[in-house]
């Protein structure tokens, strides 16, 4: 009986990553604007989990957003319902809906393009 309970508990606790390699915390390494200028941000992070995205900065509260990710097209839509300044993360200010396209994704490297201005965000898994 104890073995059956342990088996049920172990099987019930497993959650797979809903978003594959995208899930997890990513450190923003560079923001490249469409005019070619580059910015190296200081301690800015993207967190992707389930249907949520959160922008984080060391020592500050996160900025949450509702996320829709289409893995087959590499398209991410994030709705930031609260007013916040998102420019430090390479995004337009909110409240807004942000459209991103994944240009490259691996376990430890992510490159996204922000629509409509074609800003390129380069991140590493943190």
N, C-alpha and C. Protein backbone atom coordinates (compact mmCIF):
# COMPACT_ATOMS: atom_id res chain seq x y z
N UNK A 1 0.83 -1.19 0.00
CA UNK A 1 0.00 0.00 0.00
C UNK A 1 0.87 1.26 0.00
N UNK A 2 1.92 1.25 0.82
CA UNK A 2 2.83 2.39 0.89
C UNK A 2 3.52 2.62 -0.45
N UNK A 3 3.85 1.54 -1.14
CA UNK A 3 4.50 1.65 -2.44
C UNK A 3 3.55 2.28 -3.46
N UNK A 4 2.28 1.94 -3.43
CA UNK A 4 1.29 2.50 -4.35
C UNK A 4 1.13 4.00 -4.11
N UNK A 5 1.07 4.42 -2.85
CA UNK A 5 0.94 5.84 -2.50
C UNK A 5 2.17 6.61 -2.98
N UNK A 6 3.35 6.07 -2.77
CA UNK A 6 4.58 6.73 -3.20
C UNK A 6 4.61 6.86 -4.73
N UNK A 7 4.19 5.81 -5.43
CA UNK A 7 4.17 5.83 -6.89
C UNK A 7 3.21 6.91 -7.40
N UNK A 8 2.02 6.98 -6.83
CA UNK A 8 1.03 7.98 -7.24
C UNK A 8 1.54 9.39 -6.98
N UNK A 9 2.17 9.59 -5.84
CA UNK A 9 2.69 10.92 -5.51
C UNK A 9 3.80 11.33 -6.47
N UNK A 10 4.71 10.42 -6.81
CA UNK A 10 5.80 10.75 -7.73
C UNK A 10 5.29 11.03 -9.13
N UNK A 11 4.35 10.27 -9.60
CA UNK A 11 3.81 10.48 -10.94
C UNK A 11 3.00 11.76 -11.02
N UNK A 12 2.30 12.10 -9.97
CA UNK A 12 1.46 13.30 -9.96
C UNK A 12 2.24 14.58 -9.82
N UNK A 13 3.49 14.54 -9.39
CA UNK A 13 4.26 15.75 -9.15
C UNK A 13 5.10 16.18 -10.34
N UNK A 14 5.18 15.37 -11.37
CA UNK A 14 6.00 15.72 -12.51
C UNK A 14 5.28 16.71 -13.41
N UNK A 15 5.92 17.85 -13.68
CA UNK A 15 5.40 18.83 -14.62
C UNK A 15 6.45 19.01 -15.69
N UNK A 16 6.04 18.88 -16.93
CA UNK A 16 6.99 19.11 -18.00
C UNK A 16 6.98 20.59 -18.36
N UNK A 17 8.05 21.05 -18.95
CA UNK A 17 8.11 22.43 -19.38
C UNK A 17 7.10 22.64 -20.50
N UNK A 18 6.16 23.52 -20.26
CA UNK A 18 5.12 23.79 -21.25
C UNK A 18 5.71 24.44 -22.50
N UNK A 19 6.77 25.21 -22.33
CA UNK A 19 7.33 25.99 -23.43
C UNK A 19 8.69 25.48 -23.89
N UNK A 20 9.03 24.25 -23.57
CA UNK A 20 10.29 23.66 -24.01
C UNK A 20 11.49 24.44 -23.49
N UNK A 21 12.47 24.68 -24.35
CA UNK A 21 13.70 25.36 -23.94
C UNK A 21 13.47 26.81 -23.52
N UNK A 22 12.34 27.40 -23.91
CA UNK A 22 12.07 28.79 -23.56
C UNK A 22 11.86 28.97 -22.05
N UNK A 23 11.27 27.98 -21.39
CA UNK A 23 10.98 28.10 -19.96
C UNK A 23 12.25 28.30 -19.15
N UNK A 24 12.17 29.17 -18.16
CA UNK A 24 13.29 29.43 -17.26
C UNK A 24 13.61 30.90 -17.18
N UNK A 25 14.71 31.21 -16.51
CA UNK A 25 15.15 32.59 -16.35
C UNK A 25 16.29 32.88 -17.31
N UNK A 26 16.20 34.02 -18.01
CA UNK A 26 17.16 34.43 -19.01
C UNK A 26 17.73 35.78 -18.65
N UNK A 27 19.04 35.94 -18.75
CA UNK A 27 19.67 37.24 -18.51
C UNK A 27 19.80 37.97 -19.84
N UNK A 28 19.33 39.21 -19.87
CA UNK A 28 19.43 40.04 -21.06
C UNK A 28 20.86 40.51 -21.22
N UNK A 29 21.51 40.11 -22.30
CA UNK A 29 22.93 40.43 -22.52
C UNK A 29 23.11 41.66 -23.39
N UNK A 30 22.22 41.84 -24.38
CA UNK A 30 22.33 43.02 -25.23
C UNK A 30 20.99 43.35 -25.87
N UNK A 31 20.82 44.64 -26.15
CA UNK A 31 19.68 45.17 -26.88
C UNK A 31 20.26 45.89 -28.10
N UNK A 32 19.90 45.45 -29.30
CA UNK A 32 20.40 46.08 -30.52
C UNK A 32 19.21 46.69 -31.26
N UNK A 33 19.22 48.01 -31.36
CA UNK A 33 18.15 48.75 -32.05
C UNK A 33 18.31 48.62 -33.56
N UNK A 34 17.23 48.93 -34.29
CA UNK A 34 17.28 48.79 -35.75
C UNK A 34 18.22 49.78 -36.42
N UNK A 35 18.67 50.82 -35.69
CA UNK A 35 19.66 51.74 -36.26
C UNK A 35 21.10 51.28 -36.03
N UNK A 36 21.24 50.08 -35.40
CA UNK A 36 22.56 49.51 -35.18
C UNK A 36 23.18 49.80 -33.83
N UNK A 37 22.57 50.69 -33.04
CA UNK A 37 23.11 50.98 -31.71
C UNK A 37 22.83 49.81 -30.78
N UNK A 38 23.80 49.54 -29.93
CA UNK A 38 23.69 48.43 -28.97
C UNK A 38 23.80 48.94 -27.55
N UNK A 39 23.04 48.31 -26.67
CA UNK A 39 23.05 48.62 -25.24
C UNK A 39 23.33 47.32 -24.50
N UNK A 40 24.20 47.39 -23.49
CA UNK A 40 24.45 46.23 -22.63
C UNK A 40 23.76 46.53 -21.29
N UNK A 41 22.61 45.90 -21.04
CA UNK A 41 21.87 46.17 -19.81
C UNK A 41 22.56 45.59 -18.58
N UNK A 42 22.25 46.16 -17.43
CA UNK A 42 22.83 45.71 -16.17
C UNK A 42 21.79 44.95 -15.36
N UNK A 43 21.97 43.66 -15.22
CA UNK A 43 21.15 42.79 -14.38
C UNK A 43 19.66 42.87 -14.69
N UNK A 44 19.32 42.67 -15.97
CA UNK A 44 17.92 42.59 -16.42
C UNK A 44 17.65 41.14 -16.81
N UNK A 45 16.47 40.65 -16.42
CA UNK A 45 16.14 39.25 -16.63
C UNK A 45 14.73 39.09 -17.19
N UNK A 46 14.56 38.08 -18.03
CA UNK A 46 13.25 37.63 -18.50
C UNK A 46 13.02 36.27 -17.85
N UNK A 47 11.82 36.05 -17.34
CA UNK A 47 11.45 34.75 -16.78
C UNK A 47 10.22 34.26 -17.53
N UNK A 48 10.30 33.07 -18.11
CA UNK A 48 9.19 32.46 -18.83
C UNK A 48 8.79 31.18 -18.11
N UNK A 49 7.52 31.04 -17.78
CA UNK A 49 7.01 29.82 -17.14
C UNK A 49 5.52 29.71 -17.41
N UNK A 50 5.12 28.55 -17.90
CA UNK A 50 3.72 28.28 -18.20
C UNK A 50 3.18 29.38 -19.14
N UNK A 51 2.17 30.12 -18.73
CA UNK A 51 1.57 31.18 -19.54
C UNK A 51 1.92 32.55 -18.98
N UNK A 52 3.08 32.64 -18.34
CA UNK A 52 3.49 33.88 -17.71
C UNK A 52 4.89 34.29 -18.16
N UNK A 53 5.06 35.59 -18.30
CA UNK A 53 6.39 36.16 -18.51
C UNK A 53 6.58 37.21 -17.43
N UNK A 54 7.79 37.32 -16.92
CA UNK A 54 8.08 38.34 -15.92
C UNK A 54 9.41 38.98 -16.25
N UNK A 55 9.42 40.30 -16.18
CA UNK A 55 10.66 41.06 -16.34
C UNK A 55 11.17 41.36 -14.95
N UNK A 56 12.44 41.05 -14.72
CA UNK A 56 13.01 41.23 -13.38
C UNK A 56 14.30 42.02 -13.46
N UNK A 57 14.57 42.71 -12.38
CA UNK A 57 15.82 43.43 -12.21
C UNK A 57 16.26 43.19 -10.78
N UNK A 58 17.54 43.00 -10.57
CA UNK A 58 18.07 42.73 -9.24
C UNK A 58 17.63 43.81 -8.26
N UNK A 59 17.01 43.39 -7.16
CA UNK A 59 16.61 44.31 -6.10
C UNK A 59 15.28 45.00 -6.31
N UNK A 60 14.55 44.68 -7.39
CA UNK A 60 13.25 45.31 -7.65
C UNK A 60 12.19 44.24 -7.88
N UNK A 61 10.92 44.63 -7.65
CA UNK A 61 9.81 43.73 -7.94
C UNK A 61 9.74 43.46 -9.43
N UNK A 62 9.25 42.28 -9.79
CA UNK A 62 9.11 41.93 -11.18
C UNK A 62 7.90 42.58 -11.83
N UNK A 63 7.92 42.62 -13.15
CA UNK A 63 6.79 43.14 -13.93
C UNK A 63 6.16 41.95 -14.63
N UNK A 64 4.97 41.52 -14.19
CA UNK A 64 4.35 40.32 -14.76
C UNK A 64 3.57 40.61 -16.04
N UNK A 65 3.51 39.60 -16.89
CA UNK A 65 2.70 39.67 -18.10
C UNK A 65 2.12 38.31 -18.44
N UNK A 66 0.99 38.33 -19.14
CA UNK A 66 0.36 37.10 -19.61
C UNK A 66 0.95 36.76 -20.97
N UNK A 67 1.40 35.52 -21.13
CA UNK A 67 2.13 35.12 -22.33
C UNK A 67 1.40 34.04 -23.11
N UNK A 68 1.45 34.19 -24.43
CA UNK A 68 1.03 33.14 -25.36
C UNK A 68 2.25 32.82 -26.22
N UNK A 69 2.65 31.56 -26.24
CA UNK A 69 3.82 31.14 -27.00
C UNK A 69 3.41 30.07 -28.00
N UNK A 70 3.68 30.31 -29.27
CA UNK A 70 3.44 29.33 -30.32
C UNK A 70 4.80 28.76 -30.71
N UNK A 71 5.11 27.60 -30.18
CA UNK A 71 6.42 26.99 -30.40
C UNK A 71 6.66 26.68 -31.88
N UNK A 72 5.61 26.37 -32.62
CA UNK A 72 5.78 26.00 -34.04
C UNK A 72 6.21 27.19 -34.90
N UNK A 73 5.80 28.40 -34.54
CA UNK A 73 6.17 29.59 -35.31
C UNK A 73 7.24 30.43 -34.61
N UNK A 74 7.49 30.16 -33.32
CA UNK A 74 8.45 30.95 -32.56
C UNK A 74 7.91 32.32 -32.19
N UNK A 75 6.59 32.46 -32.19
CA UNK A 75 5.95 33.74 -31.92
C UNK A 75 5.50 33.81 -30.45
N UNK A 76 5.86 34.92 -29.78
CA UNK A 76 5.47 35.15 -28.39
C UNK A 76 4.68 36.44 -28.32
N UNK A 77 3.54 36.39 -27.65
CA UNK A 77 2.74 37.58 -27.37
C UNK A 77 2.67 37.73 -25.86
N UNK A 78 3.05 38.91 -25.36
CA UNK A 78 2.98 39.16 -23.92
C UNK A 78 2.12 40.39 -23.69
N UNK A 79 1.13 40.24 -22.83
CA UNK A 79 0.27 41.35 -22.45
C UNK A 79 0.68 41.82 -21.06
N UNK A 80 1.17 43.05 -20.97
CA UNK A 80 1.53 43.65 -19.70
C UNK A 80 0.38 44.55 -19.26
N UNK A 81 -0.44 44.08 -18.31
CA UNK A 81 -1.64 44.84 -17.94
C UNK A 81 -1.38 46.08 -17.08
N UNK A 82 -0.27 46.13 -16.39
CA UNK A 82 0.03 47.27 -15.52
C UNK A 82 0.97 48.26 -16.21
N UNK A 83 0.80 49.51 -15.88
CA UNK A 83 1.68 50.55 -16.42
C UNK A 83 3.08 50.36 -15.86
N UNK A 84 4.05 50.30 -16.74
CA UNK A 84 5.44 50.12 -16.33
C UNK A 84 6.35 50.60 -17.45
N UNK A 85 7.55 50.97 -17.10
CA UNK A 85 8.55 51.35 -18.08
C UNK A 85 9.31 50.10 -18.50
N UNK A 86 9.15 49.70 -19.75
CA UNK A 86 9.75 48.45 -20.23
C UNK A 86 10.95 48.69 -21.14
N UNK A 87 11.27 49.95 -21.40
CA UNK A 87 12.36 50.27 -22.31
C UNK A 87 13.70 49.70 -21.88
N UNK A 88 13.91 49.56 -20.58
CA UNK A 88 15.17 48.99 -20.08
C UNK A 88 15.35 47.53 -20.48
N UNK A 89 14.26 46.87 -20.87
CA UNK A 89 14.30 45.48 -21.33
C UNK A 89 14.21 45.40 -22.85
N UNK A 90 14.28 46.55 -23.53
CA UNK A 90 14.23 46.57 -24.99
C UNK A 90 12.83 46.52 -25.57
N UNK A 91 11.81 46.77 -24.73
CA UNK A 91 10.41 46.69 -25.14
C UNK A 91 9.76 48.07 -25.11
N UNK A 92 8.65 48.24 -25.86
CA UNK A 92 7.90 49.49 -25.75
C UNK A 92 7.23 49.57 -24.37
N UNK A 93 6.94 50.79 -23.91
CA UNK A 93 6.31 50.96 -22.60
C UNK A 93 4.89 50.40 -22.58
N UNK A 94 4.46 50.01 -21.38
CA UNK A 94 3.15 49.41 -21.21
C UNK A 94 2.21 50.41 -20.54
N UNK A 95 0.90 50.19 -20.41
CA UNK A 95 0.28 48.89 -20.70
C UNK A 95 0.24 48.63 -22.20
N UNK A 96 0.67 47.48 -22.57
CA UNK A 96 0.72 47.16 -23.99
C UNK A 96 0.78 45.65 -24.18
N UNK A 97 0.62 45.30 -25.42
CA UNK A 97 0.85 43.93 -25.84
C UNK A 97 2.10 43.93 -26.70
N UNK A 98 3.05 43.10 -26.34
CA UNK A 98 4.33 43.04 -27.03
C UNK A 98 4.36 41.78 -27.90
N UNK A 99 4.83 41.95 -29.13
CA UNK A 99 4.99 40.84 -30.06
C UNK A 99 6.48 40.57 -30.23
N UNK A 100 6.89 39.33 -30.01
CA UNK A 100 8.29 38.92 -30.16
C UNK A 100 8.35 37.72 -31.10
N UNK A 101 9.44 37.63 -31.84
CA UNK A 101 9.70 36.46 -32.68
C UNK A 101 11.05 35.89 -32.29
N UNK A 102 11.08 34.60 -32.02
CA UNK A 102 12.34 33.94 -31.68
C UNK A 102 13.15 33.73 -32.96
N UNK A 103 14.33 34.29 -32.96
CA UNK A 103 15.25 34.13 -34.09
C UNK A 103 16.13 32.90 -33.89
N UNK A 104 16.49 32.63 -32.62
CA UNK A 104 17.37 31.51 -32.28
C UNK A 104 17.08 31.11 -30.83
N UNK A 105 16.99 29.79 -30.60
CA UNK A 105 16.73 29.29 -29.25
C UNK A 105 17.44 27.96 -29.05
N UNK A 106 18.22 27.89 -27.97
CA UNK A 106 18.82 26.64 -27.53
C UNK A 106 18.68 26.58 -26.02
N UNK A 107 19.25 25.57 -25.40
CA UNK A 107 19.16 25.45 -23.94
C UNK A 107 19.73 26.64 -23.21
N UNK A 108 20.75 27.28 -23.78
CA UNK A 108 21.44 28.34 -23.04
C UNK A 108 21.55 29.67 -23.79
N UNK A 109 20.92 29.79 -24.95
CA UNK A 109 21.04 31.00 -25.76
C UNK A 109 19.69 31.32 -26.42
N UNK A 110 19.29 32.59 -26.37
CA UNK A 110 18.02 33.02 -26.94
C UNK A 110 18.20 34.37 -27.62
N UNK A 111 17.72 34.47 -28.86
CA UNK A 111 17.72 35.73 -29.59
C UNK A 111 16.28 35.97 -30.04
N UNK A 112 15.73 37.15 -29.68
CA UNK A 112 14.36 37.49 -30.05
C UNK A 112 14.33 38.83 -30.76
N UNK A 113 13.37 38.99 -31.68
CA UNK A 113 13.16 40.26 -32.35
C UNK A 113 11.84 40.84 -31.86
N UNK A 114 11.88 42.14 -31.50
CA UNK A 114 10.69 42.84 -31.02
C UNK A 114 10.01 43.49 -32.22
N UNK A 115 8.71 43.22 -32.38
CA UNK A 115 7.94 43.88 -33.44
C UNK A 115 7.32 45.15 -32.86
N UNK A 116 7.11 46.19 -33.59
CA UNK A 116 7.37 46.33 -35.02
C UNK A 116 8.72 46.97 -35.34
N UNK A 117 9.52 47.34 -34.35
CA UNK A 117 10.73 48.12 -34.62
C UNK A 117 11.98 47.29 -34.87
N UNK A 118 11.87 45.99 -34.84
CA UNK A 118 12.98 45.07 -35.15
C UNK A 118 14.15 45.15 -34.19
N UNK A 119 13.91 45.58 -32.95
CA UNK A 119 14.95 45.53 -31.92
C UNK A 119 15.31 44.07 -31.67
N UNK A 120 16.61 43.77 -31.53
CA UNK A 120 17.07 42.41 -31.28
C UNK A 120 17.51 42.30 -29.82
N UNK A 121 16.96 41.30 -29.13
CA UNK A 121 17.32 41.01 -27.74
C UNK A 121 18.13 39.73 -27.71
N UNK A 122 19.30 39.78 -27.09
CA UNK A 122 20.15 38.58 -26.96
C UNK A 122 20.23 38.24 -25.48
N UNK A 123 19.91 36.99 -25.16
CA UNK A 123 19.84 36.55 -23.77
C UNK A 123 20.60 35.25 -23.58
N UNK A 124 21.00 34.99 -22.34
CA UNK A 124 21.60 33.69 -21.99
C UNK A 124 20.82 33.11 -20.81
N UNK A 125 20.76 31.79 -20.77
CA UNK A 125 20.06 31.12 -19.66
C UNK A 125 20.82 31.42 -18.38
N UNK A 126 20.10 31.75 -17.34
CA UNK A 126 20.72 32.15 -16.09
C UNK A 126 20.37 31.16 -15.00
